[in-house]
């Protein structure tokens, strides 16, 4: 069951992420800069599989080697554990791709 997190839960969860995200306008936001366009596309492909598995989809834009992401649980009009699960998965995936 999806549950909207309160402000203290969001702050605590933000502090546990391995890469910094910000809370802005009701969204978790992050910009990932990759070494190449190909790495950015690898990231999108890998993360999209996870998105389908957990049925949670980001708002993201890609311009060359930069991907800007906004996460929010739309049906709750707020942030849930799914947003943090997906953001940490993105952090790990970014580190894996960029370390190759």
C-alpha atoms as a PDB file:
ATOM      1  CA  UNK A   1       0.000   0.000   0.000  1.00  0.00           C
ATOM      2  CA  UNK A   2       1.277   3.439  -0.909  1.00  0.00           C
ATOM      3  CA  UNK A   3       1.403   5.962   1.905  1.00  0.00           C
ATOM      4  CA  UNK A   4       2.269   9.644   1.668  1.00  0.00           C
ATOM      5  CA  UNK A   5       5.283  10.513   3.830  1.00  0.00           C
ATOM      6  CA  UNK A   6       5.223  13.467   6.200  1.00  0.00           C
ATOM      7  CA  UNK A   7       7.938  16.139   6.232  1.00  0.00           C
ATOM      8  CA  UNK A   8      10.047  14.484   8.941  1.00  0.00           C
ATOM      9  CA  UNK A   9       9.951  11.127   7.134  1.00  0.00           C
ATOM     10  CA  UNK A  10      10.995  12.816   3.893  1.00  0.00           C
ATOM     11  CA  UNK A  11      13.908  14.620   5.566  1.00  0.00           C
ATOM     12  CA  UNK A  12      15.068  11.399   7.214  1.00  0.00           C
ATOM     13  CA  UNK A  13      14.816   9.453   3.947  1.00  0.00           C
ATOM     14  CA  UNK A  14      16.675  12.187   2.030  1.00  0.00           C
ATOM     15  CA  UNK A  15      19.575  11.897   4.481  1.00  0.00           C
ATOM     16  CA  UNK A  16      19.892   8.161   3.754  1.00  0.00           C
ATOM     17  CA  UNK A  17      20.302   8.481  -0.031  1.00  0.00           C
ATOM     18  CA  UNK A  18      23.800   7.766  -1.361  1.00  0.00           C
ATOM     19  CA  UNK A  19      23.660  10.774  -3.736  1.00  0.00           C
ATOM     20  CA  UNK A  20      22.052  14.123  -2.985  1.00  0.00           C
ATOM     21  CA  UNK A  21      18.500  14.819  -4.086  1.00  0.00           C
ATOM     22  CA  UNK A  22      16.469  17.914  -3.242  1.00  0.00           C
ATOM     23  CA  UNK A  23      12.843  18.374  -2.292  1.00  0.00           C
ATOM     24  CA  UNK A  24      11.345  21.174  -4.354  1.00  0.00           C
ATOM     25  CA  UNK A  25       7.730  22.007  -5.183  1.00  0.00           C
ATOM     26  CA  UNK A  26       6.534  18.636  -3.867  1.00  0.00           C
ATOM     27  CA  UNK A  27       8.997  16.599  -5.951  1.00  0.00           C
ATOM     28  CA  UNK A  28      12.281  14.830  -5.284  1.00  0.00           C
ATOM     29  CA  UNK A  29      14.610  16.307  -7.894  1.00  0.00           C
ATOM     30  CA  UNK A  30      18.037  15.432  -9.219  1.00  0.00           C
ATOM     31  CA  UNK A  31      20.103  16.118 -12.306  1.00  0.00           C
ATOM     32  CA  UNK A  32      22.466  13.372 -13.452  1.00  0.00           C
ATOM     33  CA  UNK A  33      25.343  14.318 -15.761  1.00  0.00           C
ATOM     34  CA  UNK A  34      26.922  11.435 -17.671  1.00  0.00           C
ATOM     35  CA  UNK A  35      30.240  11.068 -19.495  1.00  0.00           C
ATOM     36  CA  UNK A  36      28.376  10.508 -22.764  1.00  0.00           C
ATOM     37  CA  UNK A  37      24.984  10.376 -24.437  1.00  0.00           C
ATOM     38  CA  UNK A  38      25.312   6.583 -24.633  1.00  0.00           C
ATOM     39  CA  UNK A  39      25.712   6.346 -20.862  1.00  0.00           C
ATOM     40  CA  UNK A  40      22.619   8.487 -20.361  1.00  0.00           C
ATOM     41  CA  UNK A  41      20.621   6.181 -22.610  1.00  0.00           C
ATOM     42  CA  UNK A  42      21.956   3.092 -20.783  1.00  0.00           C
ATOM     43  CA  UNK A  43      20.691   4.665 -17.570  1.00  0.00           C
ATOM     44  CA  UNK A  44      17.238   5.322 -19.047  1.00  0.00           C
ATOM     45  CA  UNK A  45      16.982   1.763 -20.360  1.00  0.00           C
ATOM     46  CA  UNK A  46      18.011   0.142 -17.089  1.00  0.00           C
ATOM     47  CA  UNK A  47      15.882   2.384 -14.867  1.00  0.00           C
ATOM     48  CA  UNK A  48      12.833   1.977 -17.103  1.00  0.00           C
ATOM     49  CA  UNK A  49      12.823  -1.769 -16.352  1.00  0.00           C
ATOM     50  CA  UNK A  50      12.683  -1.061 -12.612  1.00  0.00           C
ATOM     51  CA  UNK A  51       9.950   1.519 -13.169  1.00  0.00           C
ATOM     52  CA  UNK A  52       7.798  -1.108 -14.843  1.00  0.00           C
ATOM     53  CA  UNK A  53       8.535  -3.686 -12.134  1.00  0.00           C
ATOM     54  CA  UNK A  54       7.386  -1.405  -9.317  1.00  0.00           C
ATOM     55  CA  UNK A  55       4.789   0.439 -11.431  1.00  0.00           C
ATOM     56  CA  UNK A  56       6.234   3.830 -10.555  1.00  0.00           C
ATOM     57  CA  UNK A  57       7.338   6.204 -13.289  1.00  0.00           C
ATOM     58  CA  UNK A  58       9.419   9.388 -13.137  1.00  0.00           C
ATOM     59  CA  UNK A  59       9.086  12.647 -14.948  1.00  0.00           C
ATOM     60  CA  UNK A  60      12.408  12.932 -16.730  1.00  0.00           C
ATOM     61  CA  UNK A  61      14.006  14.829 -19.552  1.00  0.00           C
ATOM     62  CA  UNK A  62      17.172  14.006 -21.438  1.00  0.00           C
ATOM     63  CA  UNK A  63      19.356  16.522 -23.240  1.00  0.00           C
ATOM     64  CA  UNK A  64      22.497  14.896 -24.573  1.00  0.00           C
ATOM     65  CA  UNK A  65      24.333  13.635 -21.460  1.00  0.00           C
ATOM     66  CA  UNK A  66      22.101  15.184 -18.790  1.00  0.00           C
ATOM     67  CA  UNK A  67      18.955  13.647 -17.317  1.00  0.00           C
ATOM     68  CA  UNK A  68      16.765  15.794 -15.082  1.00  0.00           C
ATOM     69  CA  UNK A  69      14.399  13.829 -12.865  1.00  0.00           C
ATOM     70  CA  UNK A  70      11.347  14.664 -10.780  1.00  0.00           C
ATOM     71  CA  UNK A  71       9.766  12.001  -8.561  1.00  0.00           C
ATOM     72  CA  UNK A  72       6.388  12.184  -6.887  1.00  0.00           C
ATOM     73  CA  UNK A  73       3.643   9.654  -6.177  1.00  0.00           C
ATOM     74  CA  UNK A  74       0.944  11.293  -8.270  1.00  0.00           C
ATOM     75  CA  UNK A  75      -2.041   9.385  -6.886  1.00  0.00           C
ATOM     76  CA  UNK A  76      -1.055  10.522  -3.364  1.00  0.00           C
ATOM     77  CA  UNK A  77      -0.083  14.051  -4.433  1.00  0.00           C
ATOM     78  CA  UNK A  78       3.125  13.707  -2.456  1.00  0.00           C
ATOM     79  CA  UNK A  79       6.262  11.707  -1.735  1.00  0.00           C
ATOM     80  CA  UNK A  80       6.104   8.003  -0.808  1.00  0.00           C
ATOM     81  CA  UNK A  81       8.594   5.213  -0.108  1.00  0.00           C
ATOM     82  CA  UNK A  82       8.382   4.314  -3.807  1.00  0.00           C
ATOM     83  CA  UNK A  83      10.007   7.638  -4.658  1.00  0.00           C
ATOM     84  CA  UNK A  84      12.918   6.861  -2.365  1.00  0.00           C
ATOM     85  CA  UNK A  85      13.186   3.278  -3.600  1.00  0.00           C
ATOM     86  CA  UNK A  86      13.406   4.509  -7.181  1.00  0.00           C
ATOM     87  CA  UNK A  87      15.755   7.408  -6.392  1.00  0.00           C
ATOM     88  CA  UNK A  88      18.239   5.123  -4.635  1.00  0.00           C
ATOM     89  CA  UNK A  89      18.025   2.648  -7.516  1.00  0.00           C
ATOM     90  CA  UNK A  90      18.844   5.537  -9.860  1.00  0.00           C
ATOM     91  CA  UNK A  91      21.814   6.521  -7.677  1.00  0.00           C
ATOM     92  CA  UNK A  92      23.208   2.983  -7.775  1.00  0.00           C
ATOM     93  CA  UNK A  93      22.601   2.661 -11.514  1.00  0.00           C
ATOM     94  CA  UNK A  94      24.298   6.003 -12.180  1.00  0.00           C
ATOM     95  CA  UNK A  95      27.366   4.959 -10.192  1.00  0.00           C
ATOM     96  CA  UNK A  96      27.552   1.606 -11.984  1.00  0.00           C
ATOM     97  CA  UNK A  97      27.311   3.147 -15.450  1.00  0.00           C
ATOM     98  CA  UNK A  98      29.732   5.981 -14.782  1.00  0.00           C
ATOM     99  CA  UNK A  99      32.341   3.711 -13.171  1.00  0.00           C
ATOM    100  CA  UNK A 100      32.718   1.575 -16.326  1.00  0.00           C
END
